Amino acid sequence: MAASLRLWRLKPSRILRCSVASGFSSGATAGSGQQPQLEKLTSTRQQDGIRHIILNNPKKRNALSLSMLKCLRDDILHDIESQALRVIIISAEGPVFSAGHDLKELSSEQDTKHHIEVFETCAEVMTLLQKLPVPVIAKVNGLATAAGCQLVASCDIAVASEKSRFATPGVNIGLFCSTPAVAVGRALSRKVALEMLFTGEPISAHDALLHGLLSRVVPEDKLEEETMKIARKICETSRSVVALGKATFYKQMALDLDAAYKMTSQVMVDNLTLKDGREGIEAFVQKRKPTWSHSVNTACK
């Protein structure tokens, strides 16, 4: 198999199962000596290739506590290689998408080891989103601040209602949003990102769209419909082709222009060897709808 065809495949990782927090089962039982179940902080459902992951702790403004991050990670990774999974949508209950980290976890009552675990787990989740073989869509209907804004910026696509707002307000409480700045600074222009980081002031959904944080802004009553339109359109395509394309996109963005073209040219050649690469072109020539296998295997010559 050509190297580029392996770009999207996830390496095995240790994940904390969070069965109470999701619709997925971990197999752990009480008294088994396994990792205890976590508080229910997310909910999930999957239908027709679309997995919905909902941040479900509105009383705490859907804070990305360590438990929330671990549940989110588990929900994302569950059966990730299944051909039945085509796209993930991350949304939230309540008026706040996410207010970022739980500041109680970052107080002096917790030791440095705990603080390190919080930020390392958060970074793992954020980077994981771009390594997945399926697209991830943020569906935002409210305020997203600090690590919550980071989560939106880390998704492949972001759709928000007109009332949504986005901010990195850590500077106002003496904790600069350095880790959110990694994702925000790559999604927005440098000067807009730095104004957000230096002032902590929120920006509107329309400004977030203008500056690149969002893919589109829609009326609140159209948010579900418009998000699902995107998800369903993705489901009409080949999973293996999308997986290869997504991995290639993020890899080439880190390269200089010449290296990017050299790498992507080889990927396109390799793409032609995929079963679905062949099927798509043959279907176009024959003026018929393609029948996708979603397989990463190459076609026989």
Protein backbone atom coordinates (compact mmCIF):
# COMPACT_ATOMS: atom_id res chain seq x y z
CA MET A 1 0.00 0.00 0.00
CA ALA A 2 1.40 3.42 -0.95
CA ALA A 3 2.47 5.63 1.94
CA SER A 4 -0.15 8.26 1.18
CA LEU A 5 -2.94 5.70 1.46
CA ARG A 6 -1.89 5.13 5.06
CA LEU A 7 -2.03 8.82 5.98
CA TRP A 8 -5.44 8.71 7.55
CA ARG A 9 -5.18 5.50 9.56
CA LEU A 10 -5.24 6.14 13.30
CA LYS A 11 -2.61 4.64 15.52
CA PRO A 12 -4.01 2.56 18.39
CA SER A 13 -4.36 4.64 21.53
CA ARG A 14 -5.31 4.07 25.10
CA ILE A 15 -8.73 5.52 25.75
CA LEU A 16 -10.80 5.77 28.88
CA ARG A 17 -14.20 4.19 28.37
CA CYS A 18 -17.09 6.36 29.46
CA SER A 19 -20.16 4.17 29.10
CA VAL A 20 -22.40 6.16 31.42
CA ALA A 21 -21.62 9.28 29.44
CA SER A 22 -22.64 7.92 26.07
CA GLY A 23 -24.80 5.53 24.15
CA PHE A 24 -21.82 3.23 23.69
CA SER A 25 -20.98 0.28 25.89
CA SER A 26 -17.55 -0.29 27.42
CA GLY A 27 -18.07 -3.70 28.97
CA ALA A 28 -16.79 -2.56 32.39
CA THR A 29 -18.83 -3.72 35.36
CA ALA A 30 -19.07 -2.65 38.96
CA GLY A 31 -16.55 -4.35 41.18
CA SER A 32 -14.51 -5.59 38.23
CA GLY A 33 -11.47 -3.54 39.18
CA GLN A 34 -11.69 -1.65 35.91
CA GLN A 35 -11.81 2.12 35.49
CA PRO A 36 -14.88 3.49 37.34
CA GLN A 37 -17.64 4.98 35.26
CA LEU A 38 -17.66 8.73 34.92
CA GLU A 39 -20.44 11.19 35.51
CA LYS A 40 -22.77 11.53 32.54
CA LEU A 41 -21.43 14.57 30.72
CA THR A 42 -22.09 13.72 27.07
CA SER A 43 -24.80 11.94 25.16
CA THR A 44 -24.55 10.26 21.77
CA ARG A 45 -26.63 8.83 19.01
CA GLN A 46 -25.77 7.52 15.56
CA GLN A 47 -28.00 7.04 12.56
CA ASP A 48 -27.44 6.80 8.80
CA GLY A 49 -23.69 7.27 9.15
CA ILE A 50 -23.94 10.41 11.29
CA ARG A 51 -22.76 10.36 14.90
CA HIS A 52 -24.07 13.11 17.16
CA ILE A 53 -22.00 13.89 20.26
CA ILE A 54 -23.72 16.33 22.60
CA LEU A 55 -21.96 18.11 25.46
CA ASN A 56 -24.55 17.61 28.18
CA ASN A 57 -23.58 19.53 31.31
CA PRO A 58 -25.42 22.85 30.86
CA LYS A 59 -25.50 23.58 34.60
CA LYS A 60 -21.72 24.00 34.41
CA ARG A 61 -21.84 25.72 31.02
CA ASN A 62 -20.56 22.53 29.38
CA ALA A 63 -17.12 23.16 30.85
CA LEU A 64 -14.37 21.01 29.35
CA SER A 65 -13.44 19.41 32.64
CA LEU A 66 -11.06 16.47 32.63
CA SER A 67 -14.04 14.11 32.86
CA MET A 68 -15.80 15.87 29.99
CA LEU A 69 -12.67 15.69 27.84
CA LYS A 70 -12.25 11.98 28.52
CA CYS A 71 -15.89 11.30 27.69
CA LEU A 72 -15.60 13.33 24.50
CA ARG A 73 -12.47 11.45 23.53
CA ASP A 74 -14.18 8.13 24.14
CA ASP A 75 -17.26 9.10 22.13
CA ILE A 76 -15.09 10.24 19.22
CA LEU A 77 -12.96 7.12 19.10
CA HIS A 78 -15.69 4.54 19.59
CA ASP A 79 -15.66 2.17 16.59
CA ILE A 80 -13.95 4.90 14.57
CA GLU A 81 -12.81 2.51 11.82
CA SER A 82 -16.35 1.30 11.09
CA GLN A 83 -17.47 1.95 7.52
CA ALA A 84 -20.89 2.75 8.97
CA LEU A 85 -19.50 5.97 10.47
CA ARG A 86 -19.24 8.76 7.93
CA VAL A 87 -19.31 12.05 9.87
CA ILE A 88 -19.36 13.34 13.47
CA ILE A 89 -21.37 16.34 14.69
CA ILE A 90 -20.46 17.94 18.03
CA SER A 91 -23.12 20.13 19.66
CA ALA A 92 -24.23 21.12 23.15
CA GLU A 93 -27.25 21.38 25.42
CA GLY A 94 -28.15 24.78 26.85
CA PRO A 95 -27.30 28.38 25.95
CA VAL A 96 -23.53 27.88 26.19
CA PHE A 97 -21.72 25.61 23.73
CA SER A 98 -18.78 25.44 26.13
CA ALA A 99 -17.20 27.89 28.55
CA GLY A 100 -13.82 26.19 28.32
CA HIS A 101 -11.89 24.54 31.14
CA ASP A 102 -13.39 24.04 34.59
CA LEU A 103 -11.45 26.67 36.55
CA LYS A 104 -11.90 24.74 39.79
CA GLU A 105 -9.64 22.09 38.29
CA LEU A 106 -7.01 24.75 37.61
CA SER A 107 -6.98 26.22 41.11
CA SER A 108 -4.11 25.87 43.59
CA GLU A 109 -6.14 23.14 45.32
CA GLN A 110 -5.05 20.82 42.51
CA ASP A 111 -1.41 19.93 42.06
CA THR A 112 0.76 20.52 39.00
CA LYS A 113 0.41 16.89 37.92
CA HIS A 114 -3.35 17.34 37.63
CA HIS A 115 -2.96 20.61 35.73
CA ILE A 116 -0.63 18.89 33.26
CA GLU A 117 -3.12 16.07 32.74
CA VAL A 118 -5.92 18.55 32.02
CA PHE A 119 -4.00 20.43 29.34
CA GLU A 120 -2.41 17.33 27.80
CA THR A 121 -5.81 15.60 27.55
CA CYS A 122 -7.33 18.71 26.00
CA ALA A 123 -4.52 18.93 23.45
CA GLU A 124 -4.97 15.25 22.65
CA VAL A 125 -8.68 15.70 21.95
CA MET A 126 -8.16 18.82 19.83
CA THR A 127 -5.43 17.25 17.68
CA LEU A 128 -7.38 14.00 17.43
CA LEU A 129 -10.22 15.73 15.59
CA GLN A 130 -8.02 16.45 12.58
CA LYS A 131 -6.52 12.95 12.60
CA LEU A 132 -9.87 11.17 12.34
CA PRO A 133 -10.75 9.47 9.03
CA VAL A 134 -14.16 11.19 9.01
CA PRO A 135 -15.08 14.89 8.96
CA VAL A 136 -16.07 16.55 12.25
CA ILE A 137 -18.66 19.34 12.29
CA ALA A 138 -19.19 21.74 15.19
CA LYS A 139 -22.84 22.79 15.54
CA VAL A 140 -22.84 25.89 17.74
CA ASN A 141 -25.88 27.57 19.22
CA GLY A 142 -24.60 29.93 21.91
CA LEU A 143 -21.42 31.12 23.55
CA ALA A 144 -18.10 29.34 22.99
CA THR A 145 -15.20 30.64 25.06
CA ALA A 146 -11.58 29.70 25.74
CA ALA A 147 -11.19 25.92 25.22
CA GLY A 148 -14.79 25.90 23.95
CA CYS A 149 -13.75 28.27 21.19
CA GLN A 150 -10.69 26.07 20.68
CA LEU A 151 -12.98 23.08 20.15
CA VAL A 152 -14.91 24.94 17.44
CA ALA A 153 -11.68 26.02 15.74
CA SER A 154 -10.34 22.45 15.84
CA CYS A 155 -13.31 20.93 13.99
CA ASP A 156 -13.13 20.53 10.21
CA ILE A 157 -16.37 22.43 9.64
CA ALA A 158 -18.26 24.77 11.96
CA VAL A 159 -21.87 25.91 11.59
CA ALA A 160 -23.32 28.42 14.06
CA SER A 161 -26.57 30.21 14.75
CA GLU A 162 -26.71 33.98 14.40
CA LYS A 163 -26.84 34.44 18.17
CA SER A 164 -23.59 32.57 18.81
CA ARG A 165 -20.51 34.37 20.10
CA PHE A 166 -16.87 33.42 20.48
CA ALA A 167 -14.16 34.60 22.86
CA THR A 168 -10.81 33.81 24.44
CA PRO A 169 -11.21 35.70 27.74
CA GLY A 170 -8.49 34.05 29.80
CA VAL A 171 -6.38 37.22 29.89
CA ASN A 172 -9.06 38.85 32.06
CA ILE A 173 -8.58 36.31 34.86
CA GLY A 174 -4.81 36.11 34.61
CA LEU A 175 -4.64 32.89 32.57
CA PHE A 176 -3.78 33.67 28.95
CA CYS A 177 -5.52 31.38 26.45
CA SER A 178 -2.26 29.97 25.13
CA THR A 179 -3.58 26.53 24.17
CA PRO A 180 -6.81 27.86 22.60
CA ALA A 181 -4.55 30.23 20.64
CA VAL A 182 -3.04 27.25 18.80
CA ALA A 183 -6.34 26.40 17.10
CA VAL A 184 -7.77 29.92 16.98
CA GLY A 185 -4.56 31.34 15.55
CA ARG A 186 -4.64 28.78 12.75
CA ALA A 187 -8.30 29.40 11.91
CA LEU A 188 -8.38 33.22 12.03
CA SER A 189 -6.01 35.85 10.71
CA ARG A 190 -3.19 36.63 13.14
CA LYS A 191 -4.32 40.15 13.98
CA VAL A 192 -7.94 39.15 14.63
CA ALA A 193 -6.82 36.22 16.79
CA LEU A 194 -4.46 38.42 18.78
CA GLU A 195 -7.13 41.06 19.37
CA MET A 196 -9.38 38.33 20.78
CA LEU A 197 -6.53 36.99 22.93
CA PHE A 198 -5.31 40.37 24.21
CA THR A 199 -8.73 41.84 25.02
CA GLY A 200 -10.88 38.80 25.80
CA GLU A 201 -13.77 40.51 24.01
CA PRO A 202 -16.24 38.24 22.20
CA ILE A 203 -16.87 38.40 18.48
CA SER A 204 -20.22 37.80 16.81
CA ALA A 205 -21.04 34.80 14.68
CA HIS A 206 -20.95 36.96 11.54
CA ASP A 207 -17.49 38.30 12.43
CA ALA A 208 -16.35 34.75 13.18
CA LEU A 209 -17.55 33.74 9.71
CA LEU A 210 -15.87 36.74 8.09
CA HIS A 211 -12.52 35.93 9.70
CA GLY A 212 -12.52 32.17 9.12
CA LEU A 213 -13.58 30.57 12.41
CA LEU A 214 -16.90 29.38 10.96
CA SER A 215 -18.02 27.74 7.73
CA ARG A 216 -21.47 29.32 7.76
CA VAL A 217 -23.92 31.24 9.96
CA VAL A 218 -27.64 30.48 9.86
CA PRO A 219 -30.81 31.49 11.73
CA GLU A 220 -31.25 29.51 14.94
CA ASP A 221 -34.31 27.69 13.62
CA LYS A 222 -32.30 26.54 10.58
CA LEU A 223 -29.21 25.34 12.46
CA GLU A 224 -30.15 21.66 12.63
CA GLU A 225 -31.37 21.59 9.04
CA GLU A 226 -28.31 23.28 7.56
CA THR A 227 -25.86 21.20 9.59
CA MET A 228 -27.57 17.99 8.55
CA LYS A 229 -27.50 19.06 4.88
CA ILE A 230 -23.71 19.17 5.07
CA ALA A 231 -23.51 15.88 6.95
CA ARG A 232 -25.81 14.08 4.51
CA LYS A 233 -23.86 15.40 1.53
CA ILE A 234 -20.67 13.99 3.03
CA CYS A 235 -22.46 10.65 3.50
CA GLU A 236 -23.04 10.50 -0.27
CA THR A 237 -19.29 10.32 -0.90
CA SER A 238 -16.71 7.58 -0.46
CA ARG A 239 -15.44 7.25 3.12
CA SER A 240 -12.01 6.07 1.96
CA VAL A 241 -11.60 8.95 -0.49
CA VAL A 242 -12.68 11.52 2.10
CA ALA A 243 -10.35 9.98 4.69
CA LEU A 244 -7.41 10.19 2.31
CA GLY A 245 -8.31 13.72 1.28
CA LYS A 246 -8.71 14.98 4.85
CA ALA A 247 -5.38 13.54 5.99
CA THR A 248 -3.65 14.94 2.92
CA PHE A 249 -5.15 18.41 3.39
CA TYR A 250 -3.82 18.81 6.92
CA LYS A 251 -0.43 17.34 6.06
CA GLN A 252 0.14 19.60 3.05
CA MET A 253 -0.80 22.72 5.04
CA ALA A 254 2.36 22.26 7.10
CA LEU A 255 4.59 22.04 4.00
CA ASP A 256 6.11 24.69 1.77
CA LEU A 257 4.49 25.16 -1.63
CA ASP A 258 6.83 22.94 -3.66
CA ALA A 259 6.76 20.14 -1.10
CA ALA A 260 2.97 20.38 -0.85
CA TYR A 261 2.51 19.98 -4.58
CA LYS A 262 4.99 17.10 -4.72
CA MET A 263 3.23 15.26 -1.91
CA THR A 264 -0.32 15.88 -3.15
CA SER A 265 0.57 14.91 -6.72
CA GLN A 266 1.62 11.49 -5.47
CA VAL A 267 -1.52 11.25 -3.35
CA MET A 268 -3.71 11.89 -6.40
CA VAL A 269 -1.90 9.13 -8.28
CA ASP A 270 -2.44 6.81 -5.32
CA ASN A 271 -6.09 7.92 -5.09
CA LEU A 272 -6.58 6.62 -8.62
CA THR A 273 -5.59 3.13 -7.43
CA LEU A 274 -8.30 3.00 -4.79
CA LYS A 275 -11.38 0.96 -5.65
CA ASP A 276 -13.54 4.01 -5.16
CA GLY A 277 -11.15 6.17 -7.17
CA ARG A 278 -11.63 3.86 -10.12
CA GLU A 279 -15.36 3.49 -9.49
CA GLY A 280 -15.99 7.23 -9.39
CA ILE A 281 -14.29 7.94 -12.69
CA GLU A 282 -15.89 4.95 -14.41
CA ALA A 283 -19.31 6.01 -13.13
CA PHE A 284 -18.78 9.54 -14.43
CA VAL A 285 -17.73 8.29 -17.86
CA GLN A 286 -20.65 5.86 -17.98
CA LYS A 287 -23.05 8.59 -16.77
CA ARG A 288 -24.30 6.61 -13.77
CA LYS A 289 -24.30 7.04 -10.02
CA PRO A 290 -21.18 5.53 -8.39
CA THR A 291 -21.47 2.57 -6.05
CA TRP A 292 -18.95 3.18 -3.28
CA SER A 293 -17.19 0.33 -1.50
CA HIS A 294 -15.71 2.67 1.15
CA SER A 295 -12.71 0.35 1.10
CA VAL A 296 -9.11 1.49 1.45
CA ASN A 297 -8.05 -1.44 -0.74
CA THR A 298 -6.66 -0.74 -4.18
CA ALA A 299 -8.38 -1.88 -7.36
CA CYS A 300 -6.99 -4.72 -9.42
CA LYS A 301 -5.47 -3.63 -12.70
